Amino acid sequence: MKYHSSIGNLAPRLALLVLFLSPAALAQNAAQPVSPAPGTPTAASATPSEPTATHSPDSGGAAQPAAQPPAPAAEATPKIQLADQAPAPPPPVARTDKLHDGFYLRLNLGFGSQSTTIDDGTPSPNLKATGGTLAVDLLAGGAPSPGVIVGGGLFLDSLPSITFRADDGYSAKSGVSLLTIGPFIDGYPNPRGGFHLGGTVGLSNARLSNTANIPFNKALGFGLAAWLGYDWWVADQWSVGGLLQFSGAHTSKTVNSTDVSVDTRSIMLMLTAVYQ
């Protein structure tokens, strides 16, 4: 009796063991998640938890969202550096085109013939003389447009000592120096060419070197000059050439309530150097 009861109790246990070892049971056991060991962090605990709602006593028990973590600072966008991106300026180009523009400086030196008439205020005929003269001009200015030069000039015309004679035989020996200062204009029809013409009108001062037989030594008035010439380029900004100049002046003075005067007329051939 005990043997049969032991077999009867063992049969259900064997049936459970066969059922547990069957493929279906093994597959079901593999699909079940394995519970972690105590103290091991789970995936849920490793990920940051969502902000939970909190209850504020001032809000009457209503759930308040938890404070959000501060947002990361946005990276500053780099500014455009125009100075670094601008192309480098090209190197300066040497001047190769010769043009009459910019600053202007001219020096003239020449000789010619001067005729001078002196009215000494007496009833006797006027004193006259003609002789060789030395002339020096200095002009400085600029070009408001290519080929057109304006500025100021100094014009010196000197007649050395010479004998002045009158029609009645009277004579007096003296020299005459004429200085004229005034504005001028000089124009080149072709701004790149050499032909030019110009003129000036200004104040004149005539001086006599010997006043033994003439009752005055200087007179003031006005003078003018006109010229034409040609310049040849010899460097980027230098040219040399020649010109023909005509000039004249009328100066006067009152001596002992008598008006006296000196009139000069000159024609000169001059060498010239120009910087422009």
C-alpha atoms as a PDB file:
ATOM      1  CA  MET A   1       0.000   0.000   0.000  1.00  0.00           C
ATOM      2  CA  LYS A   2       2.806   2.390   0.718  1.00  0.00           C
ATOM      3  CA  TYR A   3       4.469   1.560  -2.574  1.00  0.00           C
ATOM      4  CA  HIS A   4       1.380   2.343  -4.615  1.00  0.00           C
ATOM      5  CA  SER A   5       0.805   5.624  -2.790  1.00  0.00           C
ATOM      6  CA  SER A   6       4.410   6.722  -3.433  1.00  0.00           C
ATOM      7  CA  ILE A   7       4.035   6.041  -7.167  1.00  0.00           C
ATOM      8  CA  GLY A   8       0.752   7.920  -7.201  1.00  0.00           C
ATOM      9  CA  ASN A   9       2.402  10.944  -5.650  1.00  0.00           C
ATOM     10  CA  LEU A  10       5.401  10.801  -8.035  1.00  0.00           C
ATOM     11  CA  ALA A  11       3.348  10.710 -11.253  1.00  0.00           C
ATOM     12  CA  PRO A  12       2.055  14.332 -11.065  1.00  0.00           C
ATOM     13  CA  ARG A  13       5.552  15.592 -10.376  1.00  0.00           C
ATOM     14  CA  LEU A  14       6.973  13.835 -13.431  1.00  0.00           C
ATOM     15  CA  ALA A  15       4.203  15.319 -15.579  1.00  0.00           C
ATOM     16  CA  LEU A  16       5.087  18.840 -14.387  1.00  0.00           C
ATOM     17  CA  LEU A  17       8.796  18.206 -15.093  1.00  0.00           C
ATOM     18  CA  VAL A  18       8.064  17.031 -18.681  1.00  0.00           C
ATOM     19  CA  LEU A  19       5.826  20.032 -19.249  1.00  0.00           C
ATOM     20  CA  PHE A  20       8.543  22.434 -17.966  1.00  0.00           C
ATOM     21  CA  LEU A  21      11.208  20.912 -20.194  1.00  0.00           C
ATOM     22  CA  SER A  22       9.064  21.022 -23.351  1.00  0.00           C
ATOM     23  CA  PRO A  23      10.149  23.520 -26.156  1.00  0.00           C
ATOM     24  CA  ALA A  24       7.108  25.731 -25.650  1.00  0.00           C
ATOM     25  CA  ALA A  25       7.905  26.114 -21.980  1.00  0.00           C
ATOM     26  CA  LEU A  26      11.535  26.889 -22.703  1.00  0.00           C
ATOM     27  CA  ALA A  27      10.509  29.599 -25.232  1.00  0.00           C
ATOM     28  CA  GLN A  28       8.100  31.128 -22.714  1.00  0.00           C
ATOM     29  CA  ASN A  29      10.785  31.221 -20.050  1.00  0.00           C
ATOM     30  CA  ALA A  30      13.255  32.894 -22.452  1.00  0.00           C
ATOM     31  CA  ALA A  31      10.723  35.650 -23.301  1.00  0.00           C
ATOM     32  CA  GLN A  32      10.250  36.566 -19.640  1.00  0.00           C
ATOM     33  CA  PRO A  33      12.595  39.427 -18.533  1.00  0.00           C
ATOM     34  CA  VAL A  34      15.241  38.629 -16.063  1.00  0.00           C
ATOM     35  CA  SER A  35      14.812  40.589 -12.883  1.00  0.00           C
ATOM     36  CA  PRO A  36      18.013  42.470 -11.961  1.00  0.00           C
ATOM     37  CA  ALA A  37      19.949  41.719  -8.917  1.00  0.00           C
ATOM     38  CA  PRO A  38      19.329  43.890  -5.888  1.00  0.00           C
ATOM     39  CA  GLY A  39      21.320  47.147  -5.996  1.00  0.00           C
ATOM     40  CA  THR A  40      21.835  47.102  -9.820  1.00  0.00           C
ATOM     41  CA  PRO A  41      20.540  50.297 -11.539  1.00  0.00           C
ATOM     42  CA  THR A  42      17.914  49.717 -14.151  1.00  0.00           C
ATOM     43  CA  ALA A  43      17.544  51.450 -17.549  1.00  0.00           C
ATOM     44  CA  ALA A  44      14.612  53.396 -16.220  1.00  0.00           C
ATOM     45  CA  SER A  45      16.685  54.735 -13.376  1.00  0.00           C
ATOM     46  CA  ALA A  46      19.656  55.501 -15.670  1.00  0.00           C
ATOM     47  CA  THR A  47      17.665  57.868 -17.901  1.00  0.00           C
ATOM     48  CA  PRO A  48      16.826  61.327 -16.565  1.00  0.00           C
ATOM     49  CA  SER A  49      13.415  61.402 -15.081  1.00  0.00           C
ATOM     50  CA  GLU A  50      10.789  63.660 -16.535  1.00  0.00           C
ATOM     51  CA  PRO A  51       9.995  66.715 -14.458  1.00  0.00           C
ATOM     52  CA  THR A  52       7.234  65.868 -12.053  1.00  0.00           C
ATOM     53  CA  ALA A  53       4.423  68.056 -11.071  1.00  0.00           C
ATOM     54  CA  THR A  54       4.548  69.609  -7.641  1.00  0.00           C
ATOM     55  CA  HIS A  55       1.822  71.023  -5.504  1.00  0.00           C
ATOM     56  CA  SER A  56       2.154  74.586  -4.325  1.00  0.00           C
ATOM     57  CA  PRO A  57       0.215  75.597  -1.254  1.00  0.00           C
ATOM     58  CA  ASP A  58      -0.441  79.031  -2.812  1.00  0.00           C
ATOM     59  CA  SER A  59      -2.146  77.536  -5.835  1.00  0.00           C
ATOM     60  CA  GLY A  60      -4.857  75.794  -3.851  1.00  0.00           C
ATOM     61  CA  GLY A  61      -3.491  72.303  -4.311  1.00  0.00           C
ATOM     62  CA  ALA A  62      -3.267  72.520  -8.128  1.00  0.00           C
ATOM     63  CA  ALA A  63      -0.372  70.738  -9.703  1.00  0.00           C
ATOM     64  CA  GLN A  64       2.444  73.099 -10.771  1.00  0.00           C
ATOM     65  CA  PRO A  65       5.007  72.091 -13.387  1.00  0.00           C
ATOM     66  CA  ALA A  66       8.476  71.620 -12.033  1.00  0.00           C
ATOM     67  CA  ALA A  67      11.143  74.199 -12.912  1.00  0.00           C
ATOM     68  CA  GLN A  68      12.708  73.473 -16.284  1.00  0.00           C
ATOM     69  CA  PRO A  69      16.502  73.204 -16.460  1.00  0.00           C
ATOM     70  CA  PRO A  70      18.148  76.256 -18.072  1.00  0.00           C
ATOM     71  CA  ALA A  71      18.548  76.013 -21.844  1.00  0.00           C
ATOM     72  CA  PRO A  72      22.132  75.788 -23.091  1.00  0.00           C
ATOM     73  CA  ALA A  73      23.580  79.111 -24.279  1.00  0.00           C
ATOM     74  CA  ALA A  74      23.460  79.509 -28.038  1.00  0.00           C
ATOM     75  CA  GLU A  75      26.805  79.834 -29.757  1.00  0.00           C
ATOM     76  CA  ALA A  76      27.557  83.369 -30.958  1.00  0.00           C
ATOM     77  CA  THR A  77      27.427  83.648 -34.704  1.00  0.00           C
ATOM     78  CA  PRO A  78      30.796  84.894 -35.994  1.00  0.00           C
ATOM     79  CA  LYS A  79      30.592  88.354 -37.502  1.00  0.00           C
ATOM     80  CA  ILE A  80      31.670  88.988 -41.062  1.00  0.00           C
ATOM     81  CA  GLN A  81      35.132  90.504 -41.155  1.00  0.00           C
ATOM     82  CA  LEU A  82      34.967  92.749 -44.208  1.00  0.00           C
ATOM     83  CA  ALA A  83      38.496  94.041 -43.706  1.00  0.00           C
ATOM     84  CA  ASP A  84      39.887  90.489 -43.813  1.00  0.00           C
ATOM     85  CA  GLN A  85      37.838  89.538 -46.843  1.00  0.00           C
ATOM     86  CA  ALA A  86      38.529  92.702 -48.906  1.00  0.00           C
ATOM     87  CA  PRO A  87      41.107  92.149 -51.661  1.00  0.00           C
ATOM     88  CA  ALA A  88      44.467  93.807 -51.280  1.00  0.00           C
ATOM     89  CA  PRO A  89      44.831  97.068 -53.247  1.00  0.00           C
ATOM     90  CA  PRO A  90      46.838  96.799 -56.453  1.00  0.00           C
ATOM     91  CA  PRO A  91      50.382  98.156 -56.442  1.00  0.00           C
ATOM     92  CA  PRO A  92      50.815 101.766 -57.591  1.00  0.00           C
ATOM     93  CA  VAL A  93      51.191 102.166 -61.306  1.00  0.00           C
ATOM     94  CA  ALA A  94      54.029 104.280 -62.579  1.00  0.00           C
ATOM     95  CA  ARG A  95      52.970 107.258 -64.674  1.00  0.00           C
ATOM     96  CA  THR A  96      53.610 106.580 -68.353  1.00  0.00           C
ATOM     97  CA  ASP A  97      51.270 109.103 -69.971  1.00  0.00           C
ATOM     98  CA  LYS A  98      52.748 112.609 -70.222  1.00  0.00           C
ATOM     99  CA  LEU A  99      50.006 115.154 -69.639  1.00  0.00           C
ATOM    100  CA  HIS A 100      49.951 118.868 -68.779  1.00  0.00           C
ATOM    101  CA  ASP A 101      48.055 118.712 -65.496  1.00  0.00           C
ATOM    102  CA  GLY A 102      48.658 119.248 -61.799  1.00  0.00           C
ATOM    103  CA  PHE A 103      51.270 121.576 -60.339  1.00  0.00           C
ATOM    104  CA  TYR A 104      53.012 123.893 -62.825  1.00  0.00           C
ATOM    105  CA  LEU A 105      56.375 125.657 -62.559  1.00  0.00           C
ATOM    106  CA  ARG A 106      58.084 127.476 -65.448  1.00  0.00           C
ATOM    107  CA  LEU A 107      61.382 129.345 -65.670  1.00  0.00           C
ATOM    108  CA  ASN A 108      62.141 131.502 -68.729  1.00  0.00           C
ATOM    109  CA  LEU A 109      65.487 133.061 -69.562  1.00  0.00           C
ATOM    110  CA  GLY A 110      66.169 135.035 -72.726  1.00  0.00           C
ATOM    111  CA  PHE A 111      67.221 138.184 -74.453  1.00  0.00           C
ATOM    112  CA  GLY A 112      65.667 140.591 -76.896  1.00  0.00           C
ATOM    113  CA  SER A 113      65.151 144.184 -77.820  1.00  0.00           C
ATOM    114  CA  GLN A 114      63.524 146.904 -75.746  1.00  0.00           C
ATOM    115  CA  SER A 115      62.340 150.329 -76.829  1.00  0.00           C
ATOM    116  CA  THR A 116      61.785 152.887 -74.064  1.00  0.00           C
ATOM    117  CA  THR A 117      60.324 156.390 -74.213  1.00  0.00           C
ATOM    118  CA  ILE A 118      60.758 158.799 -71.273  1.00  0.00           C
ATOM    119  CA  ASP A 119      58.567 161.855 -70.977  1.00  0.00           C
ATOM    120  CA  ASP A 120      60.266 164.105 -68.418  1.00  0.00           C
ATOM    121  CA  GLY A 121      57.419 166.596 -68.284  1.00  0.00           C
ATOM    122  CA  THR A 122      59.282 169.380 -70.085  1.00  0.00           C
ATOM    123  CA  PRO A 123      58.287 171.022 -73.340  1.00  0.00           C
ATOM    124  CA  SER A 124      61.329 169.497 -74.976  1.00  0.00           C
ATOM    125  CA  PRO A 125      60.952 166.327 -77.089  1.00  0.00           C
ATOM    126  CA  ASN A 126      60.783 162.990 -75.335  1.00  0.00           C
ATOM    127  CA  LEU A 127      63.865 160.874 -74.700  1.00  0.00           C
ATOM    128  CA  LYS A 128      64.026 157.586 -76.598  1.00  0.00           C
ATOM    129  CA  ALA A 129      66.362 154.607 -76.631  1.00  0.00           C
ATOM    130  CA  THR A 130      66.424 151.098 -78.075  1.00  0.00           C
ATOM    131  CA  GLY A 131      68.810 148.386 -76.975  1.00  0.00           C
ATOM    132  CA  GLY A 132      69.344 144.801 -76.005  1.00  0.00           C
ATOM    133  CA  THR A 133      67.539 143.552 -72.931  1.00  0.00           C
ATOM    134  CA  LEU A 134      67.845 140.575 -70.618  1.00  0.00           C
ATOM    135  CA  ALA A 135      64.593 138.946 -69.457  1.00  0.00           C
ATOM    136  CA  VAL A 136      63.802 136.465 -66.678  1.00  0.00           C
ATOM    137  CA  ASP A 137      60.336 135.058 -65.924  1.00  0.00           C
ATOM    138  CA  LEU A 138      59.138 132.808 -63.103  1.00  0.00           C
ATOM    139  CA  LEU A 139      55.628 131.355 -63.250  1.00  0.00           C
ATOM    140  CA  ALA A 140      53.883 129.013 -60.805  1.00  0.00           C
ATOM    141  CA  GLY A 141      50.365 127.657 -60.789  1.00  0.00           C
ATOM    142  CA  GLY A 142      48.252 124.630 -61.521  1.00  0.00           C
ATOM    143  CA  ALA A 143      45.871 123.062 -64.009  1.00  0.00           C
ATOM    144  CA  PRO A 144      42.144 123.197 -63.178  1.00  0.00           C
ATOM    145  CA  SER A 145      41.733 120.957 -66.222  1.00  0.00           C
ATOM    146  CA  PRO A 146      44.293 119.223 -68.443  1.00  0.00           C
ATOM    147  CA  GLY A 147      46.025 121.681 -70.739  1.00  0.00           C
ATOM    148  CA  VAL A 148      44.764 124.844 -68.995  1.00  0.00           C
ATOM    149  CA  ILE A 149      47.221 126.470 -66.586  1.00  0.00           C
ATOM    150  CA  VAL A 150      46.487 129.425 -64.296  1.00  0.00           C
ATOM    151  CA  GLY A 151      48.658 131.007 -61.660  1.00  0.00           C
ATOM    152  CA  GLY A 152      50.871 133.967 -60.858  1.00  0.00           C
ATOM    153  CA  GLY A 153      54.042 135.194 -62.510  1.00  0.00           C
ATOM    154  CA  LEU A 154      56.979 137.522 -62.069  1.00  0.00           C
ATOM    155  CA  PHE A 155      58.410 139.114 -65.243  1.00  0.00           C
ATOM    156  CA  LEU A 156      61.684 141.056 -65.216  1.00  0.00           C
ATOM    157  CA  ASP A 157      62.902 143.002 -68.249  1.00  0.00           C
ATOM    158  CA  SER A 158      66.169 144.875 -67.802  1.00  0.00           C
ATOM    159  CA  LEU A 159      67.759 147.336 -70.234  1.00  0.00           C
ATOM    160  CA  PRO A 160      71.373 148.096 -69.248  1.00  0.00           C
ATOM    161  CA  SER A 161      72.751 151.581 -69.257  1.00  0.00           C
ATOM    162  CA  ILE A 162      72.114 153.249 -72.568  1.00  0.00           C
ATOM    163  CA  THR A 163      72.025 156.775 -73.942  1.00  0.00           C
ATOM    164  CA  PHE A 164      68.565 158.298 -74.401  1.00  0.00           C
ATOM    165  CA  ARG A 165      68.333 160.957 -77.063  1.00  0.00           C
ATOM    166  CA  ALA A 166      65.760 163.584 -77.989  1.00  0.00           C
ATOM    167  CA  ASP A 167      65.026 165.012 -81.405  1.00  0.00           C
ATOM    168  CA  ASP A 168      66.544 168.354 -80.445  1.00  0.00           C
ATOM    169  CA  GLY A 169      69.918 166.743 -79.651  1.00  0.00           C
ATOM    170  CA  TYR A 170      69.468 166.532 -75.909  1.00  0.00           C
ATOM    171  CA  SER A 171      70.729 163.230 -74.406  1.00  0.00           C
ATOM    172  CA  ALA A 172      70.774 161.468 -71.052  1.00  0.00           C
ATOM    173  CA  LYS A 173      72.354 158.178 -70.078  1.00  0.00           C
ATOM    174  CA  SER A 174      70.408 155.723 -67.907  1.00  0.00           C
ATOM    175  CA  GLY A 175      69.283 152.134 -67.591  1.00  0.00           C
ATOM    176  CA  VAL A 176      65.699 150.920 -67.263  1.00  0.00           C
ATOM    177  CA  SER A 177      64.448 147.863 -65.351  1.00  0.00           C
ATOM    178  CA  LEU A 178      60.827 146.855 -65.638  1.00  0.00           C
ATOM    179  CA  LEU A 179      59.227 144.451 -63.151  1.00  0.00           C
ATOM    180  CA  THR A 180      55.679 143.153 -63.718  1.00  0.00           C
ATOM    181  CA  ILE A 181      53.750 140.939 -61.288  1.00  0.00           C
ATOM    182  CA  GLY A 182      50.337 139.515 -62.049  1.00  0.00           C
ATOM    183  CA  PRO A 183      48.154 136.517 -62.839  1.00  0.00           C
ATOM    184  CA  PHE A 184      48.664 134.550 -66.013  1.00  0.00           C
ATOM    185  CA  ILE A 185      47.030 131.878 -68.140  1.00  0.00           C
ATOM    186  CA  ASP A 186      48.873 129.393 -70.319  1.00  0.00           C
ATOM    187  CA  GLY A 187      47.058 126.958 -72.577  1.00  0.00           C
ATOM    188  CA  TYR A 188      47.990 123.797 -74.471  1.00  0.00           C
ATOM    189  CA  PRO A 189      45.474 123.062 -77.250  1.00  0.00           C
ATOM    190  CA  ASN A 190      46.617 119.443 -76.996  1.00  0.00           C
ATOM    191  CA  PRO A 191      47.121 118.588 -73.297  1.00  0.00           C
ATOM    192  CA  ARG A 192      49.692 115.954 -74.290  1.00  0.00           C
ATOM    193  CA  GLY A 193      51.415 118.138 -76.863  1.00  0.00           C
ATOM    194  CA  GLY A 194      54.006 120.855 -76.647  1.00  0.00           C
ATOM    195  CA  PHE A 195      52.520 123.894 -78.378  1.00  0.00           C
ATOM    196  CA  HIS A 196      51.188 126.495 -75.971  1.00  0.00           C
ATOM    197  CA  LEU A 197      50.278 130.169 -75.794  1.00  0.00           C
ATOM    198  CA  GLY A 198      49.451 132.471 -72.929  1.00  0.00           C
ATOM    199  CA  GLY A 199      49.484 135.933 -71.454  1.00  0.00           C
ATOM    200  CA  THR A 200      49.468 138.091 -68.346  1.00  0.00           C
ATOM    201  CA  VAL A 201      48.282 141.503 -67.122  1.00  0.00           C
ATOM    202  CA  GLY A 202      49.670 142.963 -63.919  1.00  0.00           C
ATOM    203  CA  LEU A 203      51.227 145.795 -61.986  1.00  0.00           C
ATOM    204  CA  SER A 204      54.501 147.214 -63.295  1.00  0.00           C
ATOM    205  CA  ASN A 205      57.311 149.169 -61.711  1.00  0.00           C
ATOM    206  CA  ALA A 206      59.863 150.965 -63.921  1.00  0.00           C
ATOM    207  CA  ARG A 207      63.163 152.049 -62.371  1.00  0.00           C
ATOM    208  CA  LEU A 208      65.821 154.355 -63.844  1.00  0.00           C
ATOM    209  CA  SER A 209      69.416 153.704 -62.822  1.00  0.00           C
ATOM    210  CA  ASN A 210      70.806 157.240 -63.466  1.00  0.00           C
ATOM    211  CA  THR A 211      68.734 160.297 -62.634  1.00  0.00           C
ATOM    212  CA  ALA A 212      71.369 162.991 -63.145  1.00  0.00           C
ATOM    213  CA  ASN A 213      69.557 164.367 -66.185  1.00  0.00           C
ATOM    214  CA  ILE A 214      66.099 162.874 -65.468  1.00  0.00           C
ATOM    215  CA  PRO A 215      63.935 164.326 -62.646  1.00  0.00           C
ATOM    216  CA  PHE A 216      62.625 160.958 -61.313  1.00  0.00           C
ATOM    217  CA  ASN A 217      63.874 157.418 -60.726  1.00  0.00           C
ATOM    218  CA  LYS A 218      60.748 155.232 -60.736  1.00  0.00           C
ATOM    219  CA  ALA A 219      57.189 155.099 -61.975  1.00  0.00           C
ATOM    220  CA  LEU A 220      54.264 152.769 -61.349  1.00  0.00           C
ATOM    221  CA  GLY A 221      51.632 151.533 -63.763  1.00  0.00           C
ATOM    222  CA  PHE A 222      50.449 148.402 -65.487  1.00  0.00           C
ATOM    223  CA  GLY A 223      51.991 146.001 -67.948  1.00  0.00           C
ATOM    224  CA  LEU A 224      51.058 143.067 -70.110  1.00  0.00           C
ATOM    225  CA  ALA A 225      52.750 140.246 -71.972  1.00  0.00           C
ATOM    226  CA  ALA A 226      51.807 137.563 -74.480  1.00  0.00           C
ATOM    227  CA  TRP A 227      53.765 134.546 -75.677  1.00  0.00           C
ATOM    228  CA  LEU A 228      53.675 131.399 -77.745  1.00  0.00           C
ATOM    229  CA  GLY A 229      56.099 128.524 -77.768  1.00  0.00           C
ATOM    230  CA  TYR A 230      56.746 124.813 -77.865  1.00  0.00           C
ATOM    231  CA  ASP A 231      57.941 122.392 -75.150  1.00  0.00           C
ATOM    232  CA  TRP A 232      59.499 118.952 -75.622  1.00  0.00           C
ATOM    233  CA  TRP A 233      59.127 116.249 -72.991  1.00  0.00           C
ATOM    234  CA  VAL A 234      62.492 115.115 -71.582  1.00  0.00           C
ATOM    235  CA  ALA A 235      61.172 113.207 -68.512  1.00  0.00           C
ATOM    236  CA  ASP A 236      57.878 112.142 -66.989  1.00  0.00           C
ATOM    237  CA  GLN A 237      57.222 115.628 -65.593  1.00  0.00           C
ATOM    238  CA  TRP A 238      59.919 117.791 -67.170  1.00  0.00           C
ATOM    239  CA  SER A 239      59.952 119.529 -70.526  1.00  0.00           C
ATOM    240  CA  VAL A 240      62.168 122.132 -72.158  1.00  0.00           C
ATOM    241  CA  GLY A 241      61.588 124.386 -75.114  1.00  0.00           C
ATOM    242  CA  GLY A 242      61.524 127.918 -76.413  1.00  0.00           C
ATOM    243  CA  LEU A 243      59.046 130.742 -76.734  1.00  0.00           C
ATOM    244  CA  LEU A 244      58.628 134.160 -78.310  1.00  0.00           C
ATOM    245  CA  GLN A 245      57.330 136.836 -75.943  1.00  0.00           C
ATOM    246  CA  PHE A 246      55.941 140.312 -76.498  1.00  0.00           C
ATOM    247  CA  SER A 247      55.560 142.702 -73.568  1.00  0.00           C
ATOM    248  CA  GLY A 248      54.806 146.313 -72.838  1.00  0.00           C
ATOM    249  CA  ALA A 249      54.152 148.635 -69.920  1.00  0.00           C
ATOM    250  CA  HIS A 250      52.988 152.159 -69.200  1.00  0.00           C
ATOM    251  CA  THR A 251      54.153 153.686 -65.922  1.00  0.00           C
ATOM    252  CA  SER A 252      53.825 157.245 -64.685  1.00  0.00           C
ATOM    253  CA  LYS A 253      54.502 159.565 -61.762  1.00  0.00           C
ATOM    254  CA  THR A 254      53.768 163.150 -60.743  1.00  0.00           C
ATOM    255  CA  VAL A 255      56.875 165.287 -60.188  1.00  0.00           C
ATOM    256  CA  ASN A 256      56.489 168.963 -59.198  1.00  0.00           C
ATOM    257  CA  SER A 257      52.843 168.933 -60.331  1.00  0.00           C
ATOM    258  CA  THR A 258      53.977 167.548 -63.677  1.00  0.00           C
ATOM    259  CA  ASP A 259      53.091 164.100 -64.978  1.00  0.00           C
ATOM    260  CA  VAL A 260      56.094 162.132 -66.177  1.00  0.00           C
ATOM    261  CA  SER A 261      56.007 158.643 -67.687  1.00  0.00           C
ATOM    262  CA  VAL A 262      58.054 155.710 -68.934  1.00  0.00           C
ATOM    263  CA  ASP A 263      56.718 153.542 -71.754  1.00  0.00           C
ATOM    264  CA  THR A 264      58.462 150.280 -72.679  1.00  0.00           C
ATOM    265  CA  ARG A 265      57.972 147.765 -75.490  1.00  0.00           C
ATOM    266  CA  SER A 266      59.960 144.528 -75.779  1.00  0.00           C
ATOM    267  CA  ILE A 267      60.246 141.443 -77.970  1.00  0.00           C
ATOM    268  CA  MET A 268      62.224 138.509 -76.589  1.00  0.00           C
ATOM    269  CA  LEU A 269      63.316 135.015 -77.541  1.00  0.00           C
ATOM    270  CA  MET A 270      63.529 132.815 -74.477  1.00  0.00           C
ATOM    271  CA  LEU A 271      64.577 129.337 -73.405  1.00  0.00           C
ATOM    272  CA  THR A 272      62.200 127.667 -70.969  1.00  0.00           C
ATOM    273  CA  ALA A 273      62.088 124.746 -68.559  1.00  0.00           C
ATOM    274  CA  VAL A 274      58.787 123.411 -67.204  1.00  0.00           C
ATOM    275  CA  TYR A 275      57.962 121.059 -64.367  1.00  0.00           C
ATOM    276  CA  GLN A 276      54.452 119.599 -64.516  1.00  0.00           C
END
